[in-house]
PDB file of N, CA and C in Angstrom:
ATOM      1  N   MET A   1       5.777  21.738  20.075  1.00  0.00           N
ATOM      2  CA  MET A   1       5.366  20.664  19.194  1.00  0.00           C
ATOM      3  C   MET A   1       4.426  21.175  18.119  1.00  0.00           C
ATOM      4  N   THR A   2       3.530  22.087  18.458  1.00  0.00           N
ATOM      5  CA  THR A   2       2.578  22.593  17.484  1.00  0.00           C
ATOM      6  C   THR A   2       3.300  23.238  16.319  1.00  0.00           C
ATOM      7  N   GLY A   3       4.378  23.956  16.600  1.00  0.00           N
ATOM      8  CA  GLY A   3       5.150  24.577  15.531  1.00  0.00           C
ATOM      9  C   GLY A   3       5.746  23.543  14.593  1.00  0.00           C
ATOM     10  N   LYS A   4       6.317  22.468  15.148  1.00  0.00           N
ATOM     11  CA  LYS A   4       6.895  21.413  14.315  1.00  0.00           C
ATOM     12  C   LYS A   4       5.821  20.701  13.513  1.00  0.00           C
ATOM     13  N   LEU A   5       4.651  20.475  14.125  1.00  0.00           N
ATOM     14  CA  LEU A   5       3.544  19.838  13.421  1.00  0.00           C
ATOM     15  C   LEU A   5       3.109  20.716  12.265  1.00  0.00           C
ATOM     16  N   GLY A   6       2.998  22.008  12.514  1.00  0.00           N
ATOM     17  CA  GLY A   6       2.611  22.936  11.461  1.00  0.00           C
ATOM     18  C   GLY A   6       3.610  22.936  10.325  1.00  0.00           C
ATOM     19  N   ILE A   7       4.886  22.902  10.660  1.00  0.00           N
ATOM     20  CA  ILE A   7       5.929  22.868   9.628  1.00  0.00           C
ATOM     21  C   ILE A   7       5.832  21.583   8.816  1.00  0.00           C
ATOM     22  N   ALA A   8       5.619  20.455   9.485  1.00  0.00           N
ATOM     23  CA  ALA A   8       5.513  19.179   8.774  1.00  0.00           C
ATOM     24  C   ALA A   8       4.334  19.188   7.811  1.00  0.00           C
ATOM     25  N   LEU A   9       3.193  19.674   8.280  1.00  0.00           N
ATOM     26  CA  LEU A   9       2.016  19.714   7.411  1.00  0.00           C
ATOM     27  C   LEU A   9       2.195  20.731   6.295  1.00  0.00           C
ATOM     28  N   ALA A  10       2.770  21.892   6.618  1.00  0.00           N
ATOM     29  CA  ALA A  10       3.002  22.907   5.587  1.00  0.00           C
ATOM     30  C   ALA A  10       3.976  22.394   4.542  1.00  0.00           C
ATOM     31  N   ALA A  11       5.003  21.691   4.996  1.00  0.00           N
ATOM     32  CA  ALA A  11       5.973  21.124   4.057  1.00  0.00           C
ATOM     33  C   ALA A  11       5.301  20.162   3.105  1.00  0.00           C
ATOM     34  N   THR A  12       4.420  19.361   3.625  1.00  0.00           N
ATOM     35  CA  THR A  12       3.726  18.389   2.792  1.00  0.00           C
ATOM     36  C   THR A  12       2.847  19.077   1.779  1.00  0.00           C
ATOM     37  N   VAL A  13       2.107  20.067   2.215  1.00  0.00           N
ATOM     38  CA  VAL A  13       1.232  20.795   1.297  1.00  0.00           C
ATOM     39  C   VAL A  13       2.060  21.452   0.202  1.00  0.00           C
ATOM     40  N   VAL A  14       3.161  22.099   0.590  1.00  0.00           N
ATOM     41  CA  VAL A  14       4.012  22.749  -0.401  1.00  0.00           C
ATOM     42  C   VAL A  14       4.598  21.729  -1.365  1.00  0.00           C
ATOM     43  N   LEU A  15       5.081  20.623  -0.825  1.00  0.00           N
ATOM     44  CA  LEU A  15       5.678  19.607  -1.690  1.00  0.00           C
ATOM     45  C   LEU A  15       4.647  19.004  -2.631  1.00  0.00           C
ATOM     46  N   LEU A  16       3.425  18.788  -2.161  1.00  0.00           N
ATOM     47  CA  LEU A  16       2.386  18.227  -3.021  1.00  0.00           C
ATOM     48  C   LEU A  16       1.871  19.250  -4.012  1.00  0.00           C
ATOM     49  N   ALA A  17       1.762  20.493  -3.600  1.00  0.00           N
ATOM     50  CA  ALA A  17       1.233  21.518  -4.487  1.00  0.00           C
ATOM     51  C   ALA A  17       2.279  21.921  -5.515  1.00  0.00           C
ATOM     52  N   GLY A  18       3.515  21.887  -5.152  1.00  0.00           N
ATOM     53  CA  GLY A  18       4.540  22.327  -6.070  1.00  0.00           C
ATOM     54  C   GLY A  18       5.543  21.249  -6.382  1.00  0.00           C
ATOM     55  N   CYS A  19       5.104  20.056  -6.316  1.00  0.00           N
ATOM     56  CA  CYS A  19       6.018  18.985  -6.586  1.00  0.00           C
ATOM     57  C   CYS A  19       5.635  18.338  -7.900  1.00  0.00           C
ATOM     58  N   GLY A  20       7.313  15.042 -11.210  1.00  0.00           N
ATOM     59  CA  GLY A  20       6.277  14.378 -11.904  1.00  0.00           C
ATOM     60  C   GLY A  20       6.123  13.033 -11.305  1.00  0.00           C
ATOM     61  N   GLY A  21       5.284  12.656 -11.570  1.00  0.00           N
ATOM     62  CA  GLY A  21       4.937  11.363 -11.055  1.00  0.00           C
ATOM     63  C   GLY A  21       5.793  10.282 -11.663  1.00  0.00           C
ATOM     64  N   GLY A  22       6.159   9.302 -10.896  1.00  0.00           N
ATOM     65  CA  GLY A  22       6.892   8.146 -11.378  1.00  0.00           C
ATOM     66  C   GLY A  22       5.941   6.997 -11.564  1.00  0.00           C
ATOM     67  N   ASP A  23       6.466   5.808 -11.684  1.00  0.00           N
ATOM     68  CA  ASP A  23       5.634   4.621 -11.842  1.00  0.00           C
ATOM     69  C   ASP A  23       5.457   3.963 -10.491  1.00  0.00           C
ATOM     70  N   GLY A  24       4.220   3.628 -10.145  1.00  0.00           N
ATOM     71  CA  GLY A  24       3.943   2.947  -8.894  1.00  0.00           C
ATOM     72  C   GLY A  24       4.065   3.871  -7.699  1.00  0.00           C
ATOM     73  N   ARG A  25       3.766   3.325  -6.544  1.00  0.00           N
ATOM     74  CA  ARG A  25       3.804   4.086  -5.300  1.00  0.00           C
ATOM     75  C   ARG A  25       5.236   4.133  -4.776  1.00  0.00           C
ATOM     76  N   PRO A  26       5.716   5.337  -4.424  1.00  0.00           N
ATOM     77  CA  PRO A  26       7.069   5.406  -3.870  1.00  0.00           C
ATOM     78  C   PRO A  26       7.124   4.725  -2.507  1.00  0.00           C
ATOM     79  N   SER A  27       8.286   4.272  -2.134  1.00  0.00           N
ATOM     80  CA  SER A  27       8.464   3.583  -0.855  1.00  0.00           C
ATOM     81  C   SER A  27       8.437   4.577   0.307  1.00  0.00           C
ATOM     82  N   VAL A  28       8.250   4.037   1.486  1.00  0.00           N
ATOM     83  CA  VAL A  28       8.311   4.849   2.706  1.00  0.00           C
ATOM     84  C   VAL A  28       9.681   5.522   2.793  1.00  0.00           C
ATOM     85  N   ASP A  29      10.738   4.782   2.452  1.00  0.00           N
ATOM     86  CA  ASP A  29      12.097   5.343   2.502  1.00  0.00           C
ATOM     87  C   ASP A  29      12.253   6.533   1.562  1.00  0.00           C
ATOM     88  N   GLU A  30      11.682   6.440   0.362  1.00  0.00           N
ATOM     89  CA  GLU A  30      11.777   7.553  -0.590  1.00  0.00           C
ATOM     90  C   GLU A  30      11.051   8.790  -0.069  1.00  0.00           C
ATOM     91  N   ILE A  31       9.870   8.585   0.503  1.00  0.00           N
ATOM     92  CA  ILE A  31       9.101   9.702   1.051  1.00  0.00           C
ATOM     93  C   ILE A  31       9.851  10.298   2.242  1.00  0.00           C
ATOM     94  N   SER A  32      10.372   9.442   3.106  1.00  0.00           N
ATOM     95  CA  SER A  32      11.098   9.898   4.284  1.00  0.00           C
ATOM     96  C   SER A  32      12.319  10.731   3.905  1.00  0.00           C
ATOM     97  N   THR A  33      13.021  10.307   2.877  1.00  0.00           N
ATOM     98  CA  THR A  33      14.216  11.035   2.439  1.00  0.00           C
ATOM     99  C   THR A  33      13.865  12.466   2.055  1.00  0.00           C
ATOM    100  N   VAL A  34      12.771  12.635   1.314  1.00  0.00           N
ATOM    101  CA  VAL A  34      12.342  13.976   0.900  1.00  0.00           C
ATOM    102  C   VAL A  34      12.016  14.829   2.126  1.00  0.00           C
ATOM    103  N   LEU A  35      11.308  14.240   3.084  1.00  0.00           N
ATOM    104  CA  LEU A  35      10.932  14.990   4.285  1.00  0.00           C
ATOM    105  C   LEU A  35      12.140  15.350   5.132  1.00  0.00           C
ATOM    106  N   SER A  36      13.107  14.446   5.237  1.00  0.00           N
ATOM    107  CA  SER A  36      14.274  14.724   6.081  1.00  0.00           C
ATOM    108  C   SER A  36      15.279  15.637   5.379  1.00  0.00           C
ATOM    109  N   GLU A  37      15.288  15.617   4.039  1.00  0.00           N
ATOM    110  CA  GLU A  37      16.166  16.535   3.303  1.00  0.00           C
ATOM    111  C   GLU A  37      15.674  17.964   3.419  1.00  0.00           C
ATOM    112  N   GLY A  38      14.356  18.113   3.523  1.00  0.00           N
ATOM    113  CA  GLY A  38      13.774  19.434   3.699  1.00  0.00           C
ATOM    114  C   GLY A  38      13.739  20.248   2.431  1.00  0.00           C
ATOM    115  N   GLY A  39      13.572  21.525   2.630  1.00  0.00           N
ATOM    116  CA  GLY A  39      13.442  22.463   1.534  1.00  0.00           C
ATOM    117  C   GLY A  39      13.190  23.846   2.086  1.00  0.00           C
ATOM    118  N   GLU A  40      12.446  24.629   1.349  1.00  0.00           N
ATOM    119  CA  GLU A  40      12.192  25.998   1.749  1.00  0.00           C
ATOM    120  C   GLU A  40      10.706  26.292   1.684  1.00  0.00           C
ATOM    121  N   ILE A  41      10.188  26.941   2.723  1.00  0.00           N
ATOM    122  CA  ILE A  41       8.808  27.408   2.766  1.00  0.00           C
ATOM    123  C   ILE A  41       8.848  28.869   3.162  1.00  0.00           C
ATOM    124  N   GLY A  42       8.343  29.720   2.302  1.00  0.00           N
ATOM    125  CA  GLY A  42       8.287  31.148   2.621  1.00  0.00           C
ATOM    126  C   GLY A  42       9.632  31.723   3.019  1.00  0.00           C
ATOM    127  N   GLY A  43      10.686  31.282   2.362  1.00  0.00           N
ATOM    128  CA  GLY A  43      12.021  31.786   2.655  1.00  0.00           C
ATOM    129  C   GLY A  43      12.688  31.135   3.852  1.00  0.00           C
ATOM    130  N   GLU A  44      11.990  30.222   4.522  1.00  0.00           N
ATOM    131  CA  GLU A  44      12.543  29.528   5.689  1.00  0.00           C
ATOM    132  C   GLU A  44      12.908  28.100   5.313  1.00  0.00           C
ATOM    133  N   ASP A  45      14.118  27.696   5.643  1.00  0.00           N
ATOM    134  CA  ASP A  45      14.507  26.305   5.422  1.00  0.00           C
ATOM    135  C   ASP A  45      13.854  25.429   6.476  1.00  0.00           C
ATOM    136  N   PHE A  46      13.458  24.227   6.071  1.00  0.00           N
ATOM    137  CA  PHE A  46      12.884  23.291   7.027  1.00  0.00           C
ATOM    138  C   PHE A  46      13.438  21.914   6.734  1.00  0.00           C
ATOM    139  N   SER A  47      13.447  21.099   7.731  1.00  0.00           N
ATOM    140  CA  SER A  47      13.697  19.675   7.574  1.00  0.00           C
ATOM    141  C   SER A  47      13.124  19.002   8.808  1.00  0.00           C
ATOM    142  N   ILE A  48      12.812  17.744   8.676  1.00  0.00           N
ATOM    143  CA  ILE A  48      12.262  16.966   9.778  1.00  0.00           C
ATOM    144  C   ILE A  48      13.312  15.928  10.155  1.00  0.00           C
ATOM    145  N   PRO A  49      13.602  15.769  11.432  1.00  0.00           N
ATOM    146  CA  PRO A  49      14.568  14.741  11.833  1.00  0.00           C
ATOM    147  C   PRO A  49      14.177  13.374  11.262  1.00  0.00           C
ATOM    148  N   GLU A  50      15.178  12.561  10.976  1.00  0.00           N
ATOM    149  CA  GLU A  50      14.971  11.291  10.272  1.00  0.00           C
ATOM    150  C   GLU A  50      13.916  10.394  10.922  1.00  0.00           C
ATOM    151  N   GLU A  51      13.958  10.234  12.234  1.00  0.00           N
ATOM    152  CA  GLU A  51      12.996   9.354  12.909  1.00  0.00           C
ATOM    153  C   GLU A  51      11.562   9.863  12.720  1.00  0.00           C
ATOM    154  N   GLN A  52      11.387  11.182  12.824  1.00  0.00           N
ATOM    155  CA  GLN A  52      10.065  11.768  12.628  1.00  0.00           C
ATOM    156  C   GLN A  52       9.652  11.684  11.164  1.00  0.00           C
ATOM    157  N   ALA A  53      10.597  11.895  10.268  1.00  0.00           N
ATOM    158  CA  ALA A  53      10.305  11.797   8.834  1.00  0.00           C
ATOM    159  C   ALA A  53       9.862  10.382   8.472  1.00  0.00           C
ATOM    160  N   ASP A  54      10.494   9.371   9.071  1.00  0.00           N
ATOM    161  CA  ASP A  54      10.099   7.978   8.822  1.00  0.00           C
ATOM    162  C   ASP A  54       8.651   7.750   9.236  1.00  0.00           C
ATOM    163  N   CYS A  55       8.282   8.277  10.380  1.00  0.00           N
ATOM    164  CA  CYS A  55       6.936   8.103  10.902  1.00  0.00           C
ATOM    165  C   CYS A  55       5.903   8.808  10.018  1.00  0.00           C
ATOM    166  N   VAL A  56       6.174  10.064   9.650  1.00  0.00           N
ATOM    167  CA  VAL A  56       5.261  10.821   8.789  1.00  0.00           C
ATOM    168  C   VAL A  56       5.175  10.155   7.417  1.00  0.00           C
ATOM    169  N   ALA A  57       6.311   9.699   6.888  1.00  0.00           N
ATOM    170  CA  ALA A  57       6.330   9.034   5.584  1.00  0.00           C
ATOM    171  C   ALA A  57       5.455   7.786   5.586  1.00  0.00           C
ATOM    172  N   LYS A  58       5.499   7.027   6.668  1.00  0.00           N
ATOM    173  CA  LYS A  58       4.661   5.831   6.775  1.00  0.00           C
ATOM    174  C   LYS A  58       3.184   6.216   6.748  1.00  0.00           C
ATOM    175  N   ALA A  59       2.825   7.287   7.454  1.00  0.00           N
ATOM    176  CA  ALA A  59       1.432   7.757   7.457  1.00  0.00           C
ATOM    177  C   ALA A  59       1.002   8.177   6.056  1.00  0.00           C
ATOM    178  N   PHE A  60       1.868   8.873   5.333  1.00  0.00           N
ATOM    179  CA  PHE A  60       1.533   9.276   3.959  1.00  0.00           C
ATOM    180  C   PHE A  60       1.407   8.057   3.057  1.00  0.00           C
ATOM    181  N   HIS A  61       2.342   7.116   3.197  1.00  0.00           N
ATOM    182  CA  HIS A  61       2.350   5.931   2.351  1.00  0.00           C
ATOM    183  C   HIS A  61       1.078   5.115   2.549  1.00  0.00           C
ATOM    184  N   GLU A  62       0.607   5.039   3.786  1.00  0.00           N
ATOM    185  CA  GLU A  62      -0.584   4.250   4.103  1.00  0.00           C
ATOM    186  C   GLU A  62      -1.883   5.030   3.880  1.00  0.00           C
ATOM    187  N   SER A  63      -1.772   6.290   3.499  1.00  0.00           N
ATOM    188  CA  SER A  63      -2.945   7.135   3.313  1.00  0.00           C
ATOM    189  C   SER A  63      -3.591   6.896   1.942  1.00  0.00           C
ATOM    190  N   ASP A  64      -4.651   7.648   1.678  1.00  0.00           N
ATOM    191  CA  ASP A  64      -5.336   7.583   0.387  1.00  0.00           C
ATOM    192  C   ASP A  64      -4.731   8.539  -0.646  1.00  0.00           C
ATOM    193  N   LEU A  65      -3.593   9.158  -0.317  1.00  0.00           N
ATOM    194  CA  LEU A  65      -2.929   9.995  -1.321  1.00  0.00           C
ATOM    195  C   LEU A  65      -2.598   9.131  -2.532  1.00  0.00           C
ATOM    196  N   SER A  66      -2.804   9.678  -3.719  1.00  0.00           N
ATOM    197  CA  SER A  66      -2.546   8.911  -4.938  1.00  0.00           C
ATOM    198  C   SER A  66      -1.053   8.676  -5.127  1.00  0.00           C
ATOM    199  N   ASP A  67      -0.751   7.662  -5.927  1.00  0.00           N
ATOM    200  CA  ASP A  67       0.645   7.403  -6.289  1.00  0.00           C
ATOM    201  C   ASP A  67       1.233   8.630  -6.979  1.00  0.00           C
ATOM    202  N   ASP A  68       0.423   9.276  -7.826  1.00  0.00           N
ATOM    203  CA  ASP A  68       0.903  10.468  -8.538  1.00  0.00           C
ATOM    204  C   ASP A  68       1.310  11.569  -7.562  1.00  0.00           C
ATOM    205  N   ALA A  69       0.489  11.790  -6.529  1.00  0.00           N
ATOM    206  CA  ALA A  69       0.802  12.839  -5.555  1.00  0.00           C
ATOM    207  C   ALA A  69       2.084  12.513  -4.795  1.00  0.00           C
ATOM    208  N   LEU A  70       2.209  11.268  -4.368  1.00  0.00           N
ATOM    209  CA  LEU A  70       3.413  10.883  -3.624  1.00  0.00           C
ATOM    210  C   LEU A  70       4.647  10.925  -4.514  1.00  0.00           C
ATOM    211  N   ASN A  71       4.505  10.506  -5.770  1.00  0.00           N
ATOM    212  CA  ASN A  71       5.631  10.586  -6.698  1.00  0.00           C
ATOM    213  C   ASN A  71       6.019  12.035  -6.962  1.00  0.00           C
ATOM    214  N   ALA A  72       5.031  12.913  -7.051  1.00  0.00           N
ATOM    215  CA  ALA A  72       5.323  14.333  -7.261  1.00  0.00           C
ATOM    216  C   ALA A  72       6.119  14.886  -6.089  1.00  0.00           C
ATOM    217  N   MET A  73       5.767  14.466  -4.878  1.00  0.00           N
ATOM    218  CA  MET A  73       6.495  14.909  -3.696  1.00  0.00           C
ATOM    219  C   MET A  73       7.932  14.400  -3.750  1.00  0.00           C
ATOM    220  N   VAL A  74       8.096  13.114  -4.045  1.00  0.00           N
ATOM    221  CA  VAL A  74       9.426  12.501  -4.090  1.00  0.00           C
ATOM    222  C   VAL A  74      10.277  13.121  -5.201  1.00  0.00           C
ATOM    223  N   ASP A  75       9.635  13.384  -6.354  1.00  0.00           N
ATOM    224  CA  ASP A  75      10.356  13.947  -7.498  1.00  0.00           C
ATOM    225  C   ASP A  75      10.541  15.459  -7.418  1.00  0.00           C
ATOM    226  N   LYS A  76       9.884  16.086  -6.414  1.00  0.00           N
ATOM    227  CA  LYS A  76       9.911  17.542  -6.282  1.00  0.00           C
ATOM    228  C   LYS A  76       9.465  18.214  -7.581  1.00  0.00           C
ATOM    229  N   ASP A  77       8.366  17.697  -8.131  1.00  0.00           N
ATOM    230  CA  ASP A  77       7.805  18.196  -9.384  1.00  0.00           C
ATOM    231  C   ASP A  77       7.068  19.506  -9.129  1.00  0.00           C
ATOM    232  N   GLU A  78       7.644  20.598  -9.564  1.00  0.00           N
ATOM    233  CA  GLU A  78       7.070  21.911  -9.317  1.00  0.00           C
ATOM    234  C   GLU A  78       5.815  22.175 -10.136  1.00  0.00           C
ATOM    235  N   ASP A  79       5.517  21.364 -11.140  1.00  0.00           N
ATOM    236  CA  ASP A  79       4.351  21.577 -11.997  1.00  0.00           C
ATOM    237  C   ASP A  79       3.154  20.731 -11.600  1.00  0.00           C
ATOM    238  N   TYR A  80       3.315  19.849 -10.629  1.00  0.00           N
ATOM    239  CA  TYR A  80       2.226  18.968 -10.236  1.00  0.00           C
ATOM    240  C   TYR A  80       1.110  19.753  -9.559  1.00  0.00           C
ATOM    241  N   GLU A  81      -0.130  19.449  -9.950  1.00  0.00           N
ATOM    242  CA  GLU A  81      -1.287  20.063  -9.300  1.00  0.00           C
ATOM    243  C   GLU A  81      -2.092  18.950  -8.649  1.00  0.00           C
ATOM    244  N   ALA A  82      -2.225  19.036  -7.343  1.00  0.00           N
ATOM    245  CA  ALA A  82      -2.944  18.009  -6.591  1.00  0.00           C
ATOM    246  C   ALA A  82      -4.416  17.990  -6.978  1.00  0.00           C
ATOM    247  N   SER A  83      -4.967  16.793  -7.069  1.00  0.00           N
ATOM    248  CA  SER A  83      -6.390  16.638  -7.364  1.00  0.00           C
ATOM    249  C   SER A  83      -7.200  16.938  -6.108  1.00  0.00           C
ATOM    250  N   ASP A  84      -8.506  17.110  -6.292  1.00  0.00           N
ATOM    251  CA  ASP A  84      -9.385  17.310  -5.131  1.00  0.00           C
ATOM    252  C   ASP A  84      -9.300  16.106  -4.191  1.00  0.00           C
ATOM    253  N   ALA A  85      -9.215  14.909  -4.788  1.00  0.00           N
ATOM    254  CA  ALA A  85      -9.132  13.688  -3.973  1.00  0.00           C
ATOM    255  C   ALA A  85      -7.853  13.678  -3.141  1.00  0.00           C
ATOM    256  N   ASP A  86      -6.752  14.131  -3.717  1.00  0.00           N
ATOM    257  CA  ASP A  86      -5.494  14.180  -2.966  1.00  0.00           C
ATOM    258  C   ASP A  86      -5.543  15.239  -1.870  1.00  0.00           C
ATOM    259  N   GLU A  87      -6.156  16.365  -2.148  1.00  0.00           N
ATOM    260  CA  GLU A  87      -6.281  17.394  -1.122  1.00  0.00           C
ATOM    261  C   GLU A  87      -7.118  16.868   0.042  1.00  0.00           C
ATOM    262  N   LYS A  88      -8.192  16.131  -0.264  1.00  0.00           N
ATOM    263  CA  LYS A  88      -9.024  15.538   0.782  1.00  0.00           C
ATOM    264  C   LYS A  88      -8.221  14.494   1.558  1.00  0.00           C
ATOM    265  N   ALA A  89      -7.485  13.656   0.830  1.00  0.00           N
ATOM    266  CA  ALA A  89      -6.681  12.619   1.490  1.00  0.00           C
ATOM    267  C   ALA A  89      -5.667  13.244   2.437  1.00  0.00           C
ATOM    268  N   LEU A  90      -5.083  14.357   2.035  1.00  0.00           N
ATOM    269  CA  LEU A  90      -4.109  15.030   2.890  1.00  0.00           C
ATOM    270  C   LEU A  90      -4.771  15.524   4.170  1.00  0.00           C
ATOM    271  N   THR A  91      -5.981  16.060   4.055  1.00  0.00           N
ATOM    272  CA  THR A  91      -6.667  16.538   5.255  1.00  0.00           C
ATOM    273  C   THR A  91      -7.161  15.375   6.108  1.00  0.00           C
ATOM    274  N   ASP A  92      -7.357  14.210   5.479  1.00  0.00           N
ATOM    275  CA  ASP A  92      -7.833  13.038   6.222  1.00  0.00           C
ATOM    276  C   ASP A  92      -6.741  12.343   7.022  1.00  0.00           C
ATOM    277  N   ILE A  93      -5.483  12.633   6.708  1.00  0.00           N
ATOM    278  CA  ILE A  93      -4.403  12.040   7.495  1.00  0.00           C
ATOM    279  C   ILE A  93      -4.552  12.583   8.909  1.00  0.00           C
ATOM    280  N   SER A  94      -4.673  11.709   9.823  1.00  0.00           N
ATOM    281  CA  SER A  94      -4.971  12.076  11.209  1.00  0.00           C
ATOM    282  C   SER A  94      -3.962  13.060  11.773  1.00  0.00           C
ATOM    283  N   THR A  95      -4.474  14.164  12.276  1.00  0.00           N
ATOM    284  CA  THR A  95      -3.614  15.129  12.953  1.00  0.00           C
ATOM    285  C   THR A  95      -2.932  14.470  14.141  1.00  0.00           C
ATOM    286  N   GLU A  96      -3.659  13.586  14.807  1.00  0.00           N
ATOM    287  CA  GLU A  96      -3.069  12.874  15.943  1.00  0.00           C
ATOM    288  C   GLU A  96      -1.896  12.008  15.497  1.00  0.00           C
ATOM    289  N   THR A  97      -2.036  11.371  14.332  1.00  0.00           N
ATOM    290  CA  THR A  97      -0.965  10.522  13.822  1.00  0.00           C
ATOM    291  C   THR A  97       0.285  11.347  13.557  1.00  0.00           C
ATOM    292  N   VAL A  98       0.120  12.477  12.862  1.00  0.00           N
ATOM    293  CA  VAL A  98       1.269  13.323  12.552  1.00  0.00           C
ATOM    294  C   VAL A  98       1.831  13.926  13.841  1.00  0.00           C
ATOM    295  N   ALA A  99       0.955  14.343  14.751  1.00  0.00           N
ATOM    296  CA  ALA A  99       1.421  14.906  16.017  1.00  0.00           C
ATOM    297  C   ALA A  99       2.225  13.874  16.799  1.00  0.00           C
ATOM    298  N   ALA A 100       1.772  12.621  16.783  1.00  0.00           N
ATOM    299  CA  ALA A 100       2.501  11.554  17.478  1.00  0.00           C
ATOM    300  C   ALA A 100       3.883  11.373  16.863  1.00  0.00           C
ATOM    301  N   CYS A 101       3.972  11.534  15.549  1.00  0.00           N
ATOM    302  CA  CYS A 101       5.265  11.421  14.870  1.00  0.00           C
ATOM    303  C   CYS A 101       6.215  12.524  15.299  1.00  0.00           C
ATOM    304  N   MET A 102       5.667  13.697  15.577  1.00  0.00           N
ATOM    305  CA  MET A 102       6.496  14.857  15.879  1.00  0.00           C
ATOM    306  C   MET A 102       6.853  14.942  17.358  1.00  0.00           C
ATOM    307  N   THR A 103       6.272  14.085  18.186  1.00  0.00           N
ATOM    308  CA  THR A 103       6.537  14.087  19.610  1.00  0.00           C
ATOM    309  C   THR A 103       7.719  13.175  19.911  1.00  0.00           C
ATOM    310  N   PRO A 104       8.746  13.688  20.560  1.00  0.00           N
ATOM    311  CA  PRO A 104       9.896  12.843  20.879  1.00  0.00           C
ATOM    312  C   PRO A 104       9.473  11.657  21.741  1.00  0.00           C
ATOM    313  N   ALA A 105      10.045  10.510  21.450  1.00  0.00           N
ATOM    314  CA  ALA A 105       9.745   9.295  22.220  1.00  0.00           C
ATOM    315  C   ALA A 105      10.334   9.422  23.620  1.00  0.00           C
ATOM    316  N   THR A 106       9.567   8.933  24.591  1.00  0.00           N
ATOM    317  CA  THR A 106      10.075   8.916  25.957  1.00  0.00           C
ATOM    318  C   THR A 106      10.123   7.469  26.423  1.00  0.00           C
ATOM    319  N   ASN A 107      11.111   7.142  27.159  1.00  0.00           N
ATOM    320  CA  ASN A 107      11.257   5.766  27.654  1.00  0.00           C
ATOM    321  C   ASN A 107      10.923   5.707  29.094  1.00  0.00           C
TER     322      ASN A 107
END
């Protein structure tokens, strides 16, 4: 699980650091799509399963990340530079919340 959590957080950092902004806050579905489609980090392809991506997307959507940062992620804007406030907001997203998203549900 720690590896998947690390990948999810690394993916977010990469997408925010190297992702233009649209108008308004993107929807949870838009954020989830980007996370589940995946991409490349350090030459490694990654993607998050849809159910986990939905959960992480909801956490990002409800966070203090700016609309610009979330739009940059959704738009895959390679020129976007995250503000100090967005970097803080990203670190403020509860590790427990993201870890819970990455843990398979048990019945």
